[in-house]
Amino acid sequence: MNRQLRRHPVRQQSAKQAQAPARLPKLAPQAARPDQGWKGLVRPYWMQDILSELRKVTWPTRQEAWNLTIVVIVISAAMGLLLGGTDVFFSWLIEHILF
């Protein structure tokens, strides 16, 4: 990459920094989950994780969902007309050229 296009200037590293291996950050140990007994069979840990993530989701309102549905229908119809018109044009072109 051209040096003029870089966002940051090249830094000069000392010989000591250049030789030092890169250290990876240590990951925090995961907390052990308590034994749930029969409850763990009915609702396993992965299901609890899924449900907790779904509670964090910001769901669209009824009006937002309706507006997005209309947008999808309009764009799908426009693409269908565009592709259908292209197909009709090329089939007409092939018929008149070959026959």
PDB file of N, CA and C in Angstrom:
ATOM      1  N   MET A   1       0.831  -1.161   0.000  1.00  0.00           N
ATOM      2  CA  MET A   1       0.000   0.000   0.000  1.00  0.00           C
ATOM      3  C   MET A   1       0.885   1.236   0.000  1.00  0.00           C
ATOM      4  N   ASN A   2       0.444   2.237  -0.698  1.00  0.00           N
ATOM      5  CA  ASN A   2       1.181   3.478  -0.792  1.00  0.00           C
ATOM      6  C   ASN A   2       1.169   4.186   0.563  1.00  0.00           C
ATOM      7  N   ARG A   3       2.301   4.704   0.977  1.00  0.00           N
ATOM      8  CA  ARG A   3       2.394   5.361   2.291  1.00  0.00           C
ATOM      9  C   ARG A   3       1.511   6.591   2.376  1.00  0.00           C
ATOM     10  N   GLN A   4       1.257   7.240   1.247  1.00  0.00           N
ATOM     11  CA  GLN A   4       0.414   8.421   1.271  1.00  0.00           C
ATOM     12  C   GLN A   4      -1.033   8.064   1.570  1.00  0.00           C
ATOM     13  N   LEU A   5      -1.431   6.831   1.280  1.00  0.00           N
ATOM     14  CA  LEU A   5      -2.802   6.419   1.506  1.00  0.00           C
ATOM     15  C   LEU A   5      -3.039   5.892   2.913  1.00  0.00           C
ATOM     16  N   ARG A   6      -2.011   5.624   3.648  1.00  0.00           N
ATOM     17  CA  ARG A   6      -2.169   5.100   5.002  1.00  0.00           C
ATOM     18  C   ARG A   6      -2.750   6.173   5.908  1.00  0.00           C
ATOM     19  N   ARG A   7      -3.529   5.720   6.858  1.00  0.00           N
ATOM     20  CA  ARG A   7      -4.118   6.662   7.801  1.00  0.00           C
ATOM     21  C   ARG A   7      -3.128   7.052   8.887  1.00  0.00           C
ATOM     22  N   HIS A   8      -2.289   6.142   9.267  1.00  0.00           N
ATOM     23  CA  HIS A   8      -1.360   6.379  10.352  1.00  0.00           C
ATOM     24  C   HIS A   8       0.068   6.264   9.823  1.00  0.00           C
ATOM     25  N   PRO A   9       0.936   7.130  10.286  1.00  0.00           N
ATOM     26  CA  PRO A   9       2.324   7.032   9.829  1.00  0.00           C
ATOM     27  C   PRO A   9       2.994   5.775  10.386  1.00  0.00           C
ATOM     28  N   VAL A  10       4.020   5.334   9.702  1.00  0.00           N
ATOM     29  CA  VAL A  10       4.756   4.155  10.127  1.00  0.00           C
ATOM     30  C   VAL A  10       5.542   4.493  11.382  1.00  0.00           C
ATOM     31  N   ARG A  11       5.423   3.664  12.388  1.00  0.00           N
ATOM     32  CA  ARG A  11       6.138   3.890  13.636  1.00  0.00           C
ATOM     33  C   ARG A  11       7.436   3.101  13.614  1.00  0.00           C
ATOM     34  N   GLN A  12       8.445   3.700  14.143  1.00  0.00           N
ATOM     35  CA  GLN A  12       9.727   3.023  14.249  1.00  0.00           C
ATOM     36  C   GLN A  12       9.730   2.190  15.525  1.00  0.00           C
ATOM     37  N   GLN A  13       9.982   0.895  15.386  1.00  0.00           N
ATOM     38  CA  GLN A  13      10.032   0.018  16.550  1.00  0.00           C
ATOM     39  C   GLN A  13      11.486  -0.175  16.963  1.00  0.00           C
ATOM     40  N   SER A  14      11.647  -0.249  18.252  1.00  0.00           N
ATOM     41  CA  SER A  14      12.994  -0.538  18.721  1.00  0.00           C
ATOM     42  C   SER A  14      13.285  -2.020  18.478  1.00  0.00           C
ATOM     43  N   ALA A  15      14.551  -2.391  18.512  1.00  0.00           N
ATOM     44  CA  ALA A  15      14.944  -3.780  18.266  1.00  0.00           C
ATOM     45  C   ALA A  15      14.343  -4.696  19.326  1.00  0.00           C
ATOM     46  N   LYS A  16      14.204  -4.207  20.538  1.00  0.00           N
ATOM     47  CA  LYS A  16      13.651  -5.023  21.621  1.00  0.00           C
ATOM     48  C   LYS A  16      12.166  -5.307  21.384  1.00  0.00           C
ATOM     49  N   GLN A  17      11.417  -4.306  20.918  1.00  0.00           N
ATOM     50  CA  GLN A  17      10.003  -4.499  20.654  1.00  0.00           C
ATOM     51  C   GLN A  17       9.788  -5.403  19.449  1.00  0.00           C
ATOM     52  N   ALA A  18      10.642  -5.298  18.454  1.00  0.00           N
ATOM     53  CA  ALA A  18      10.486  -6.107  17.252  1.00  0.00           C
ATOM     54  C   ALA A  18      10.724  -7.583  17.549  1.00  0.00           C
ATOM     55  N   GLN A  19      11.592  -7.911  18.511  1.00  0.00           N
ATOM     56  CA  GLN A  19      11.902  -9.301  18.816  1.00  0.00           C
ATOM     57  C   GLN A  19      10.920  -9.915  19.799  1.00  0.00           C
ATOM     58  N   ALA A  20      10.219  -9.098  20.573  1.00  0.00           N
ATOM     59  CA  ALA A  20       9.309  -9.631  21.590  1.00  0.00           C
ATOM     60  C   ALA A  20       8.112 -10.287  20.913  1.00  0.00           C
ATOM     61  N   PRO A  21       7.762 -11.510  21.326  1.00  0.00           N
ATOM     62  CA  PRO A  21       6.608 -12.169  20.716  1.00  0.00           C
ATOM     63  C   PRO A  21       5.310 -11.498  21.175  1.00  0.00           C
ATOM     64  N   ALA A  22       4.326 -11.556  20.319  1.00  0.00           N
ATOM     65  CA  ALA A  22       3.038 -10.955  20.653  1.00  0.00           C
ATOM     66  C   ALA A  22       2.350 -11.812  21.708  1.00  0.00           C
ATOM     67  N   ARG A  23       1.836 -11.172  22.725  1.00  0.00           N
ATOM     68  CA  ARG A  23       1.153 -11.889  23.795  1.00  0.00           C
ATOM     69  C   ARG A  23      -0.350 -11.810  23.584  1.00  0.00           C
ATOM     70  N   LEU A  24      -0.998 -12.927  23.757  1.00  0.00           N
ATOM     71  CA  LEU A  24      -2.439 -12.964  23.645  1.00  0.00           C
ATOM     72  C   LEU A  24      -3.046 -12.614  24.992  1.00  0.00           C
ATOM     73  N   PRO A  25      -4.158 -11.914  24.995  1.00  0.00           N
ATOM     74  CA  PRO A  25      -4.783 -11.590  26.276  1.00  0.00           C
ATOM     75  C   PRO A  25      -5.338 -12.855  26.928  1.00  0.00           C
ATOM     76  N   LYS A  26      -5.261 -12.881  28.240  1.00  0.00           N
ATOM     77  CA  LYS A  26      -5.772 -14.032  28.965  1.00  0.00           C
ATOM     78  C   LYS A  26      -7.284 -13.937  29.056  1.00  0.00           C
ATOM     79  N   LEU A  27      -7.932 -15.050  28.800  1.00  0.00           N
ATOM     80  CA  LEU A  27      -9.379 -15.097  28.891  1.00  0.00           C
ATOM     81  C   LEU A  27      -9.782 -15.368  30.326  1.00  0.00           C
ATOM     82  N   ALA A  28     -10.840 -14.725  30.727  1.00  0.00           N
ATOM     83  CA  ALA A  28     -11.339 -14.954  32.082  1.00  0.00           C
ATOM     84  C   ALA A  28     -11.946 -16.351  32.154  1.00  0.00           C
ATOM     85  N   PRO A  29     -11.711 -17.084  33.225  1.00  0.00           N
ATOM     86  CA  PRO A  29     -12.310 -18.417  33.327  1.00  0.00           C
ATOM     87  C   PRO A  29     -13.826 -18.312  33.431  1.00  0.00           C
ATOM     88  N   GLN A  30     -14.496 -19.238  32.778  1.00  0.00           N
ATOM     89  CA  GLN A  30     -15.951 -19.229  32.817  1.00  0.00           C
ATOM     90  C   GLN A  30     -16.430 -19.770  34.156  1.00  0.00           C
ATOM     91  N   ALA A  31     -17.459 -19.142  34.647  1.00  0.00           N
ATOM     92  CA  ALA A  31     -18.016 -19.588  35.923  1.00  0.00           C
ATOM     93  C   ALA A  31     -18.721 -20.923  35.723  1.00  0.00           C
ATOM     94  N   ALA A  32     -18.496 -21.814  36.662  1.00  0.00           N
ATOM     95  CA  ALA A  32     -19.142 -23.118  36.585  1.00  0.00           C
ATOM     96  C   ALA A  32     -20.631 -22.957  36.844  1.00  0.00           C
ATOM     97  N   ARG A  33     -21.429 -23.646  36.074  1.00  0.00           N
ATOM     98  CA  ARG A  33     -22.868 -23.578  36.266  1.00  0.00           C
ATOM     99  C   ARG A  33     -23.287 -24.588  37.322  1.00  0.00           C
ATOM    100  N   PRO A  34     -24.196 -24.198  38.178  1.00  0.00           N
ATOM    101  CA  PRO A  34     -24.620 -25.130  39.219  1.00  0.00           C
ATOM    102  C   PRO A  34     -25.418 -26.277  38.628  1.00  0.00           C
ATOM    103  N   ASP A  35     -25.356 -27.403  39.297  1.00  0.00           N
ATOM    104  CA  ASP A  35     -26.109 -28.567  38.855  1.00  0.00           C
ATOM    105  C   ASP A  35     -27.592 -28.304  39.055  1.00  0.00           C
ATOM    106  N   GLN A  36     -28.394 -28.553  38.025  1.00  0.00           N
ATOM    107  CA  GLN A  36     -29.812 -28.257  38.120  1.00  0.00           C
ATOM    108  C   GLN A  36     -30.660 -29.507  38.309  1.00  0.00           C
ATOM    109  N   GLY A  37     -30.073 -30.666  38.265  1.00  0.00           N
ATOM    110  CA  GLY A  37     -30.853 -31.892  38.454  1.00  0.00           C
ATOM    111  C   GLY A  37     -31.858 -32.093  37.346  1.00  0.00           C
ATOM    112  N   TRP A  38     -33.094 -32.378  37.725  1.00  0.00           N
ATOM    113  CA  TRP A  38     -34.148 -32.628  36.731  1.00  0.00           C
ATOM    114  C   TRP A  38     -34.486 -31.390  35.927  1.00  0.00           C
ATOM    115  N   LYS A  39     -34.329 -30.230  36.533  1.00  0.00           N
ATOM    116  CA  LYS A  39     -34.618 -28.985  35.824  1.00  0.00           C
ATOM    117  C   LYS A  39     -33.687 -28.819  34.620  1.00  0.00           C
ATOM    118  N   GLY A  40     -32.456 -29.303  34.741  1.00  0.00           N
ATOM    119  CA  GLY A  40     -31.509 -29.228  33.638  1.00  0.00           C
ATOM    120  C   GLY A  40     -31.895 -30.101  32.458  1.00  0.00           C
ATOM    121  N   LEU A  41     -32.662 -31.150  32.720  1.00  0.00           N
ATOM    122  CA  LEU A  41     -33.136 -31.999  31.625  1.00  0.00           C
ATOM    123  C   LEU A  41     -34.310 -31.361  30.901  1.00  0.00           C
ATOM    124  N   VAL A  42     -35.150 -30.673  31.656  1.00  0.00           N
ATOM    125  CA  VAL A  42     -36.328 -30.054  31.055  1.00  0.00           C
ATOM    126  C   VAL A  42     -35.943 -28.803  30.266  1.00  0.00           C
ATOM    127  N   ARG A  43     -35.068 -27.977  30.841  1.00  0.00           N
ATOM    128  CA  ARG A  43     -34.620 -26.760  30.180  1.00  0.00           C
ATOM    129  C   ARG A  43     -33.095 -26.715  30.245  1.00  0.00           C
ATOM    130  N   PRO A  44     -32.425 -27.255  29.186  1.00  0.00           N
ATOM    131  CA  PRO A  44     -30.953 -27.323  29.208  1.00  0.00           C
ATOM    132  C   PRO A  44     -30.322 -25.936  29.132  1.00  0.00           C
ATOM    133  N   TYR A  45     -29.006 -25.890  29.410  1.00  0.00           N
ATOM    134  CA  TYR A  45     -28.277 -24.620  29.455  1.00  0.00           C
ATOM    135  C   TYR A  45     -28.355 -23.863  28.138  1.00  0.00           C
ATOM    136  N   TRP A  46     -28.226 -24.561  27.026  1.00  0.00           N
ATOM    137  CA  TRP A  46     -28.224 -23.861  25.752  1.00  0.00           C
ATOM    138  C   TRP A  46     -29.577 -23.212  25.499  1.00  0.00           C
ATOM    139  N   MET A  47     -30.662 -23.820  25.988  1.00  0.00           N
ATOM    140  CA  MET A  47     -31.986 -23.218  25.824  1.00  0.00           C
ATOM    141  C   MET A  47     -32.088 -21.956  26.688  1.00  0.00           C
ATOM    142  N   GLN A  48     -31.515 -21.982  27.873  1.00  0.00           N
ATOM    143  CA  GLN A  48     -31.524 -20.797  28.731  1.00  0.00           C
ATOM    144  C   GLN A  48     -30.724 -19.667  28.078  1.00  0.00           C
ATOM    145  N   ASP A  49     -29.613 -20.013  27.435  1.00  0.00           N
ATOM    146  CA  ASP A  49     -28.813 -19.004  26.741  1.00  0.00           C
ATOM    147  C   ASP A  49     -29.597 -18.377  25.593  1.00  0.00           C
ATOM    148  N   ILE A  50     -30.310 -19.207  24.849  1.00  0.00           N
ATOM    149  CA  ILE A  50     -31.113 -18.704  23.727  1.00  0.00           C
ATOM    150  C   ILE A  50     -32.198 -17.776  24.232  1.00  0.00           C
ATOM    151  N   LEU A  51     -32.895 -18.191  25.274  1.00  0.00           N
ATOM    152  CA  LEU A  51     -33.971 -17.358  25.810  1.00  0.00           C
ATOM    153  C   LEU A  51     -33.448 -16.042  26.369  1.00  0.00           C
ATOM    154  N   SER A  52     -32.298 -16.077  27.022  1.00  0.00           N
ATOM    155  CA  SER A  52     -31.749 -14.829  27.553  1.00  0.00           C
ATOM    156  C   SER A  52     -31.336 -13.884  26.425  1.00  0.00           C
ATOM    157  N   GLU A  53     -30.833 -14.420  25.316  1.00  0.00           N
ATOM    158  CA  GLU A  53     -30.476 -13.568  24.172  1.00  0.00           C
ATOM    159  C   GLU A  53     -31.721 -13.010  23.503  1.00  0.00           C
ATOM    160  N   LEU A  54     -32.805 -13.809  23.426  1.00  0.00           N
ATOM    161  CA  LEU A  54     -34.032 -13.316  22.811  1.00  0.00           C
ATOM    162  C   LEU A  54     -34.682 -12.212  23.641  1.00  0.00           C
ATOM    163  N   ARG A  55     -34.465 -12.216  24.939  1.00  0.00           N
ATOM    164  CA  ARG A  55     -35.000 -11.143  25.784  1.00  0.00           C
ATOM    165  C   ARG A  55     -34.277  -9.821  25.520  1.00  0.00           C
ATOM    166  N   LYS A  56     -33.052  -9.879  25.023  1.00  0.00           N
ATOM    167  CA  LYS A  56     -32.281  -8.674  24.750  1.00  0.00           C
ATOM    168  C   LYS A  56     -32.629  -8.041  23.399  1.00  0.00           C
ATOM    169  N   VAL A  57     -33.341  -8.760  22.546  1.00  0.00           N
ATOM    170  CA  VAL A  57     -33.644  -8.292  21.200  1.00  0.00           C
ATOM    171  C   VAL A  57     -34.657  -7.153  21.257  1.00  0.00           C
ATOM    172  N   THR A  58     -34.437  -6.126  20.445  1.00  0.00           N
ATOM    173  CA  THR A  58     -35.407  -5.049  20.303  1.00  0.00           C
ATOM    174  C   THR A  58     -36.321  -5.414  19.140  1.00  0.00           C
ATOM    175  N   TRP A  59     -37.526  -5.823  19.464  1.00  0.00           N
ATOM    176  CA  TRP A  59     -38.467  -6.269  18.442  1.00  0.00           C
ATOM    177  C   TRP A  59     -39.146  -5.055  17.814  1.00  0.00           C
ATOM    178  N   PRO A  60     -39.456  -5.126  16.502  1.00  0.00           N
ATOM    179  CA  PRO A  60     -40.119  -3.985  15.849  1.00  0.00           C
ATOM    180  C   PRO A  60     -41.570  -3.873  16.312  1.00  0.00           C
ATOM    181  N   THR A  61     -42.081  -2.657  16.243  1.00  0.00           N
ATOM    182  CA  THR A  61     -43.487  -2.452  16.572  1.00  0.00           C
ATOM    183  C   THR A  61     -44.349  -2.977  15.434  1.00  0.00           C
ATOM    184  N   ARG A  62     -45.647  -3.031  15.676  1.00  0.00           N
ATOM    185  CA  ARG A  62     -46.575  -3.523  14.651  1.00  0.00           C
ATOM    186  C   ARG A  62     -46.512  -2.639  13.400  1.00  0.00           C
ATOM    187  N   GLN A  63     -46.412  -1.318  13.598  1.00  0.00           N
ATOM    188  CA  GLN A  63     -46.359  -0.397  12.466  1.00  0.00           C
ATOM    189  C   GLN A  63     -45.055  -0.554  11.678  1.00  0.00           C
ATOM    190  N   GLU A  64     -43.942  -0.713  12.368  1.00  0.00           N
ATOM    191  CA  GLU A  64     -42.656  -0.911  11.686  1.00  0.00           C
ATOM    192  C   GLU A  64     -42.659  -2.214  10.888  1.00  0.00           C
ATOM    193  N   ALA A  65     -43.215  -3.272  11.471  1.00  0.00           N
ATOM    194  CA  ALA A  65     -43.283  -4.550  10.755  1.00  0.00           C
ATOM    195  C   ALA A  65     -44.154  -4.424   9.506  1.00  0.00           C
ATOM    196  N   TRP A  66     -45.268  -3.700   9.618  1.00  0.00           N
ATOM    197  CA  TRP A  66     -46.154  -3.513   8.469  1.00  0.00           C
ATOM    198  C   TRP A  66     -45.446  -2.707   7.372  1.00  0.00           C
ATOM    199  N   ASN A  67     -44.767  -1.633   7.761  1.00  0.00           N
ATOM    200  CA  ASN A  67     -44.052  -0.809   6.769  1.00  0.00           C
ATOM    201  C   ASN A  67     -42.961  -1.614   6.063  1.00  0.00           C
ATOM    202  N   LEU A  68     -42.210  -2.404   6.810  1.00  0.00           N
ATOM    203  CA  LEU A  68     -41.151  -3.210   6.194  1.00  0.00           C
ATOM    204  C   LEU A  68     -41.732  -4.286   5.276  1.00  0.00           C
ATOM    205  N   THR A  69     -42.888  -4.831   5.649  1.00  0.00           N
ATOM    206  CA  THR A  69     -43.551  -5.823   4.795  1.00  0.00           C
ATOM    207  C   THR A  69     -43.960  -5.202   3.464  1.00  0.00           C
ATOM    208  N   ILE A  70     -44.509  -3.986   3.512  1.00  0.00           N
ATOM    209  CA  ILE A  70     -44.899  -3.283   2.284  1.00  0.00           C
ATOM    210  C   ILE A  70     -43.670  -3.017   1.412  1.00  0.00           C
ATOM    211  N   VAL A  71     -42.565  -2.614   2.023  1.00  0.00           N
ATOM    212  CA  VAL A  71     -41.336  -2.355   1.265  1.00  0.00           C
ATOM    213  C   VAL A  71     -40.869  -3.620   0.557  1.00  0.00           C
ATOM    214  N   VAL A  72     -40.900  -4.749   1.260  1.00  0.00           N
ATOM    215  CA  VAL A  72     -40.465  -6.016   0.652  1.00  0.00           C
ATOM    216  C   VAL A  72     -41.374  -6.396  -0.511  1.00  0.00           C
ATOM    217  N   ILE A  73     -42.677  -6.225  -0.348  1.00  0.00           N
ATOM    218  CA  ILE A  73     -43.618  -6.575  -1.427  1.00  0.00           C
ATOM    219  C   ILE A  73     -43.393  -5.687  -2.646  1.00  0.00           C
ATOM    220  N   VAL A  74     -43.207  -4.381  -2.423  1.00  0.00           N
ATOM    221  CA  VAL A  74     -43.012  -3.450  -3.554  1.00  0.00           C
ATOM    222  C   VAL A  74     -41.706  -3.755  -4.287  1.00  0.00           C
ATOM    223  N   ILE A  75     -40.637  -3.991  -3.554  1.00  0.00           N
ATOM    224  CA  ILE A  75     -39.352  -4.274  -4.198  1.00  0.00           C
ATOM    225  C   ILE A  75     -39.401  -5.615  -4.928  1.00  0.00           C
ATOM    226  N   SER A  76     -40.071  -6.610  -4.339  1.00  0.00           N
ATOM    227  CA  SER A  76     -40.192  -7.903  -5.009  1.00  0.00           C
ATOM    228  C   SER A  76     -40.984  -7.785  -6.304  1.00  0.00           C
ATOM    229  N   ALA A  77     -42.072  -7.003  -6.274  1.00  0.00           N
ATOM    230  CA  ALA A  77     -42.870  -6.809  -7.491  1.00  0.00           C
ATOM    231  C   ALA A  77     -42.057  -6.075  -8.554  1.00  0.00           C
ATOM    232  N   ALA A  78     -41.311  -5.057  -8.153  1.00  0.00           N
ATOM    233  CA  ALA A  78     -40.495  -4.306  -9.119  1.00  0.00           C
ATOM    234  C   ALA A  78     -39.423  -5.205  -9.743  1.00  0.00           C
ATOM    235  N   MET A  79     -38.755  -6.016  -8.908  1.00  0.00           N
ATOM    236  CA  MET A  79     -37.736  -6.922  -9.449  1.00  0.00           C
ATOM    237  C   MET A  79     -38.375  -7.972 -10.362  1.00  0.00           C
ATOM    238  N   GLY A  80     -39.565  -8.462  -9.997  1.00  0.00           N
ATOM    239  CA  GLY A  80     -40.262  -9.424 -10.847  1.00  0.00           C
ATOM    240  C   GLY A  80     -40.597  -8.832 -12.200  1.00  0.00           C
ATOM    241  N   LEU A  81     -41.091  -7.585 -12.204  1.00  0.00           N
ATOM    242  CA  LEU A  81     -41.401  -6.923 -13.476  1.00  0.00           C
ATOM    243  C   LEU A  81     -40.144  -6.681 -14.305  1.00  0.00           C
ATOM    244  N   LEU A  82     -39.083  -6.281 -13.651  1.00  0.00           N
ATOM    245  CA  LEU A  82     -37.823  -6.036 -14.365  1.00  0.00           C
ATOM    246  C   LEU A  82     -37.292  -7.322 -14.995  1.00  0.00           C
ATOM    247  N   LEU A  83     -37.237  -8.384 -14.203  1.00  0.00           N
ATOM    248  CA  LEU A  83     -36.721  -9.646 -14.738  1.00  0.00           C
ATOM    249  C   LEU A  83     -37.666 -10.255 -15.773  1.00  0.00           C
ATOM    250  N   GLY A  84     -38.968 -10.131 -15.547  1.00  0.00           N
ATOM    251  CA  GLY A  84     -39.936 -10.624 -16.536  1.00  0.00           C
ATOM    252  C   GLY A  84     -39.837  -9.861 -17.840  1.00  0.00           C
ATOM    253  N   GLY A  85     -39.707  -8.524 -17.758  1.00  0.00           N
ATOM    254  CA  GLY A  85     -39.558  -7.713 -18.975  1.00  0.00           C
ATOM    255  C   GLY A  85     -38.279  -8.050 -19.725  1.00  0.00           C
ATOM    256  N   THR A  86     -37.195  -8.287 -18.979  1.00  0.00           N
ATOM    257  CA  THR A  86     -35.935  -8.680 -19.617  1.00  0.00           C
ATOM    258  C   THR A  86     -36.083 -10.021 -20.315  1.00  0.00           C
ATOM    259  N   ASP A  87     -36.775 -10.948 -19.688  1.00  0.00           N
ATOM    260  CA  ASP A  87     -36.991 -12.272 -20.281  1.00  0.00           C
ATOM    261  C   ASP A  87     -37.827 -12.176 -21.556  1.00  0.00           C
ATOM    262  N   VAL A  88     -38.896 -11.391 -21.502  1.00  0.00           N
ATOM    263  CA  VAL A  88     -39.745 -11.219 -22.692  1.00  0.00           C
ATOM    264  C   VAL A  88     -38.957 -10.559 -23.812  1.00  0.00           C
ATOM    265  N   PHE A  89     -38.159  -9.554 -23.489  1.00  0.00           N
ATOM    266  CA  PHE A  89     -37.364  -8.873 -24.512  1.00  0.00           C
ATOM    267  C   PHE A  89     -36.378  -9.827 -25.181  1.00  0.00           C
ATOM    268  N   PHE A  90     -35.640 -10.605 -24.385  1.00  0.00           N
ATOM    269  CA  PHE A  90     -34.655 -11.502 -24.980  1.00  0.00           C
ATOM    270  C   PHE A  90     -35.322 -12.649 -25.743  1.00  0.00           C
ATOM    271  N   SER A  91     -36.460 -13.130 -25.283  1.00  0.00           N
ATOM    272  CA  SER A  91     -37.142 -14.185 -26.045  1.00  0.00           C
ATOM    273  C   SER A  91     -37.646 -13.624 -27.379  1.00  0.00           C
ATOM    274  N   TRP A  92     -38.174 -12.387 -27.372  1.00  0.00           N
ATOM    275  CA  TRP A  92     -38.599 -11.751 -28.620  1.00  0.00           C
ATOM    276  C   TRP A  92     -37.405 -11.556 -29.547  1.00  0.00           C
ATOM    277  N   LEU A  93     -36.261 -11.134 -28.987  1.00  0.00           N
ATOM    278  CA  LEU A  93     -35.061 -10.909 -29.773  1.00  0.00           C
ATOM    279  C   LEU A  93     -34.569 -12.216 -30.408  1.00  0.00           C
ATOM    280  N   ILE A  94     -34.549 -13.281 -29.651  1.00  0.00           N
ATOM    281  CA  ILE A  94     -34.096 -14.580 -30.163  1.00  0.00           C
ATOM    282  C   ILE A  94     -35.037 -15.075 -31.260  1.00  0.00           C
ATOM    283  N   GLU A  95     -36.343 -14.919 -31.052  1.00  0.00           N
ATOM    284  CA  GLU A  95     -37.305 -15.363 -32.072  1.00  0.00           C
ATOM    285  C   GLU A  95     -37.107 -14.622 -33.392  1.00  0.00           C
ATOM    286  N   HIS A  96     -36.842 -13.339 -33.329  1.00  0.00           N
ATOM    287  CA  HIS A  96     -36.706 -12.545 -34.557  1.00  0.00           C
ATOM    288  C   HIS A  96     -35.343 -12.728 -35.206  1.00  0.00           C
ATOM    289  N   ILE A  97     -34.344 -13.108 -34.458  1.00  0.00           N
ATOM    290  CA  ILE A  97     -33.018 -13.301 -35.037  1.00  0.00           C
ATOM    291  C   ILE A  97     -32.905 -14.698 -35.637  1.00  0.00           C
ATOM    292  N   LEU A  98     -33.361 -15.720 -34.921  1.00  0.00           N
ATOM    293  CA  LEU A  98     -33.176 -17.088 -35.373  1.00  0.00           C
ATOM    294  C   LEU A  98     -34.255 -17.574 -36.322  1.00  0.00           C
ATOM    295  N   PHE A  99     -35.457 -17.030 -36.218  1.00  0.00           N
ATOM    296  CA  PHE A  99     -36.547 -17.588 -37.058  1.00  0.00           C
ATOM    297  C   PHE A  99     -36.964 -16.645 -38.113  1.00  0.00           C
TER     298      PHE A  99
END
